[in-house]
């Protein structure tokens, strides 16, 4: 299923280096910090409901 998606690729959008860096830091930097904490909290809530 992923092969056709990979062959199609991603649409190219010309964007400046500083805008690209800002966007990537926002998505991957803050997301990489926030998502694990939210995931751990959800697992904790799920486990506390079961046991």
N, C-alpha and C. Protein backbone atom coordinates (compact mmCIF):
# COMPACT_ATOMS: atom_id res chain seq x y z
N UNK A 1 0.81 -1.20 0.00
CA UNK A 1 0.00 0.00 0.00
C UNK A 1 0.86 1.27 0.00
N UNK A 2 2.03 1.22 0.59
CA UNK A 2 2.86 2.42 0.68
C UNK A 2 3.65 2.69 -0.60
N UNK A 3 3.83 1.66 -1.42
CA UNK A 3 4.63 1.84 -2.63
C UNK A 3 4.00 2.85 -3.59
N UNK A 4 2.70 2.76 -3.90
CA UNK A 4 2.12 3.80 -4.79
C UNK A 4 2.21 5.20 -4.20
N UNK A 5 2.06 5.30 -2.89
CA UNK A 5 2.19 6.61 -2.25
C UNK A 5 3.61 7.14 -2.39
N UNK A 6 4.59 6.26 -2.21
CA UNK A 6 5.99 6.67 -2.34
C UNK A 6 6.33 7.04 -3.78
N UNK A 7 5.77 6.32 -4.73
CA UNK A 7 6.04 6.63 -6.13
C UNK A 7 5.40 7.95 -6.55
N UNK A 8 4.26 8.26 -5.97
CA UNK A 8 3.61 9.53 -6.28
C UNK A 8 4.38 10.70 -5.69
N UNK A 9 4.92 10.51 -4.51
CA UNK A 9 5.73 11.56 -3.90
C UNK A 9 4.91 12.64 -3.23
N UNK A 10 5.58 13.70 -2.91
CA UNK A 10 4.97 14.84 -2.23
C UNK A 10 5.06 16.04 -3.16
N UNK A 11 4.03 16.82 -3.20
CA UNK A 11 4.03 18.00 -4.05
C UNK A 11 5.11 18.98 -3.60
N UNK A 12 5.88 19.47 -4.55
CA UNK A 12 6.97 20.40 -4.25
C UNK A 12 6.41 21.80 -4.09
N UNK A 13 6.77 22.43 -2.98
CA UNK A 13 6.38 23.82 -2.75
C UNK A 13 7.64 24.62 -2.45
N UNK A 14 7.97 25.59 -3.29
CA UNK A 14 9.15 26.40 -3.00
C UNK A 14 8.92 27.21 -1.72
N UNK A 15 9.84 27.08 -0.78
CA UNK A 15 9.72 27.76 0.50
C UNK A 15 11.13 28.11 0.96
N UNK A 16 11.26 29.20 1.65
CA UNK A 16 12.57 29.63 2.12
C UNK A 16 13.12 28.71 3.21
N UNK A 17 14.43 28.77 3.39
CA UNK A 17 15.08 27.89 4.36
C UNK A 17 14.63 28.20 5.79
N UNK A 18 14.48 29.46 6.13
CA UNK A 18 14.08 29.81 7.49
C UNK A 18 12.64 29.38 7.78
N UNK A 19 11.77 29.51 6.80
CA UNK A 19 10.38 29.07 6.97
C UNK A 19 10.30 27.56 7.09
N UNK A 20 11.11 26.87 6.31
CA UNK A 20 11.14 25.41 6.36
C UNK A 20 11.67 24.93 7.71
N UNK A 21 12.73 25.58 8.20
CA UNK A 21 13.29 25.22 9.51
C UNK A 21 12.27 25.47 10.61
N UNK A 22 11.61 26.61 10.57
CA UNK A 22 10.59 26.94 11.58
C UNK A 22 9.47 25.92 11.57
N UNK A 23 9.02 25.55 10.38
CA UNK A 23 7.93 24.57 10.26
C UNK A 23 8.35 23.22 10.79
N UNK A 24 9.56 22.77 10.44
CA UNK A 24 10.03 21.46 10.88
C UNK A 24 10.27 21.44 12.39
N UNK A 25 10.78 22.52 12.95
CA UNK A 25 10.98 22.56 14.40
C UNK A 25 9.64 22.54 15.12
N UNK A 26 8.66 23.21 14.57
CA UNK A 26 7.34 23.22 15.20
C UNK A 26 6.72 21.83 15.16
N UNK A 27 6.76 21.20 14.00
CA UNK A 27 6.12 19.89 13.85
C UNK A 27 6.89 18.81 14.60
N UNK A 28 8.18 18.69 14.33
CA UNK A 28 8.94 17.58 14.87
C UNK A 28 9.51 17.88 16.26
N UNK A 29 9.86 19.11 16.52
CA UNK A 29 10.41 19.46 17.83
C UNK A 29 9.37 19.45 18.92
N UNK A 30 8.35 20.28 18.77
CA UNK A 30 7.30 20.33 19.79
C UNK A 30 6.47 19.06 19.80
N UNK A 31 6.21 18.51 18.62
CA UNK A 31 5.48 17.24 18.56
C UNK A 31 6.24 16.11 19.21
N UNK A 32 7.55 16.10 19.03
CA UNK A 32 8.37 15.06 19.63
C UNK A 32 8.46 15.18 21.15
N UNK A 33 8.25 16.38 21.66
CA UNK A 33 8.24 16.56 23.11
C UNK A 33 6.87 16.30 23.71
N UNK A 34 5.82 16.71 23.03
CA UNK A 34 4.48 16.63 23.60
C UNK A 34 3.84 15.25 23.43
N UNK A 35 4.02 14.62 22.29
CA UNK A 35 3.34 13.36 21.99
C UNK A 35 3.69 12.25 22.97
N UNK A 36 4.96 12.06 23.35
CA UNK A 36 5.24 10.98 24.31
C UNK A 36 4.54 11.19 25.66
N UNK A 37 4.48 12.41 26.14
CA UNK A 37 3.83 12.66 27.42
C UNK A 37 2.33 12.38 27.34
N UNK A 38 1.71 12.80 26.26
CA UNK A 38 0.29 12.55 26.08
C UNK A 38 0.03 11.05 25.94
N UNK A 39 0.88 10.37 25.18
CA UNK A 39 0.73 8.92 25.01
C UNK A 39 0.90 8.16 26.31
N UNK A 40 1.87 8.54 27.11
CA UNK A 40 2.09 7.89 28.39
C UNK A 40 0.91 8.14 29.32
N UNK A 41 0.37 9.35 29.31
CA UNK A 41 -0.78 9.65 30.16
C UNK A 41 -2.00 8.85 29.72
N UNK A 42 -2.21 8.71 28.41
CA UNK A 42 -3.33 7.92 27.92
C UNK A 42 -3.18 6.45 28.30
N UNK A 43 -1.96 5.91 28.20
CA UNK A 43 -1.72 4.53 28.62
C UNK A 43 -1.96 4.37 30.11
N UNK A 44 -1.54 5.35 30.90
CA UNK A 44 -1.75 5.30 32.33
C UNK A 44 -3.24 5.28 32.66
N UNK A 45 -4.01 6.13 31.99
CA UNK A 45 -5.46 6.16 32.21
C UNK A 45 -6.11 4.84 31.79
N UNK A 46 -5.68 4.30 30.68
CA UNK A 46 -6.22 3.04 30.21
C UNK A 46 -5.92 1.90 31.17
N UNK A 47 -4.70 1.85 31.65
CA UNK A 47 -4.31 0.80 32.59
C UNK A 47 -5.05 0.96 33.91
N UNK A 48 -5.22 2.19 34.36
CA UNK A 48 -5.93 2.40 35.64
C UNK A 48 -7.41 2.03 35.51
N UNK A 49 -7.99 2.15 34.32
CA UNK A 49 -9.38 1.74 34.12
C UNK A 49 -9.52 0.22 34.14
N UNK A 50 -8.53 -0.47 33.59
CA UNK A 50 -8.59 -1.93 33.48
C UNK A 50 -8.31 -2.57 34.84
N UNK A 51 -7.36 -2.05 35.58
CA UNK A 51 -6.99 -2.70 36.84
C UNK A 51 -7.51 -1.94 37.99
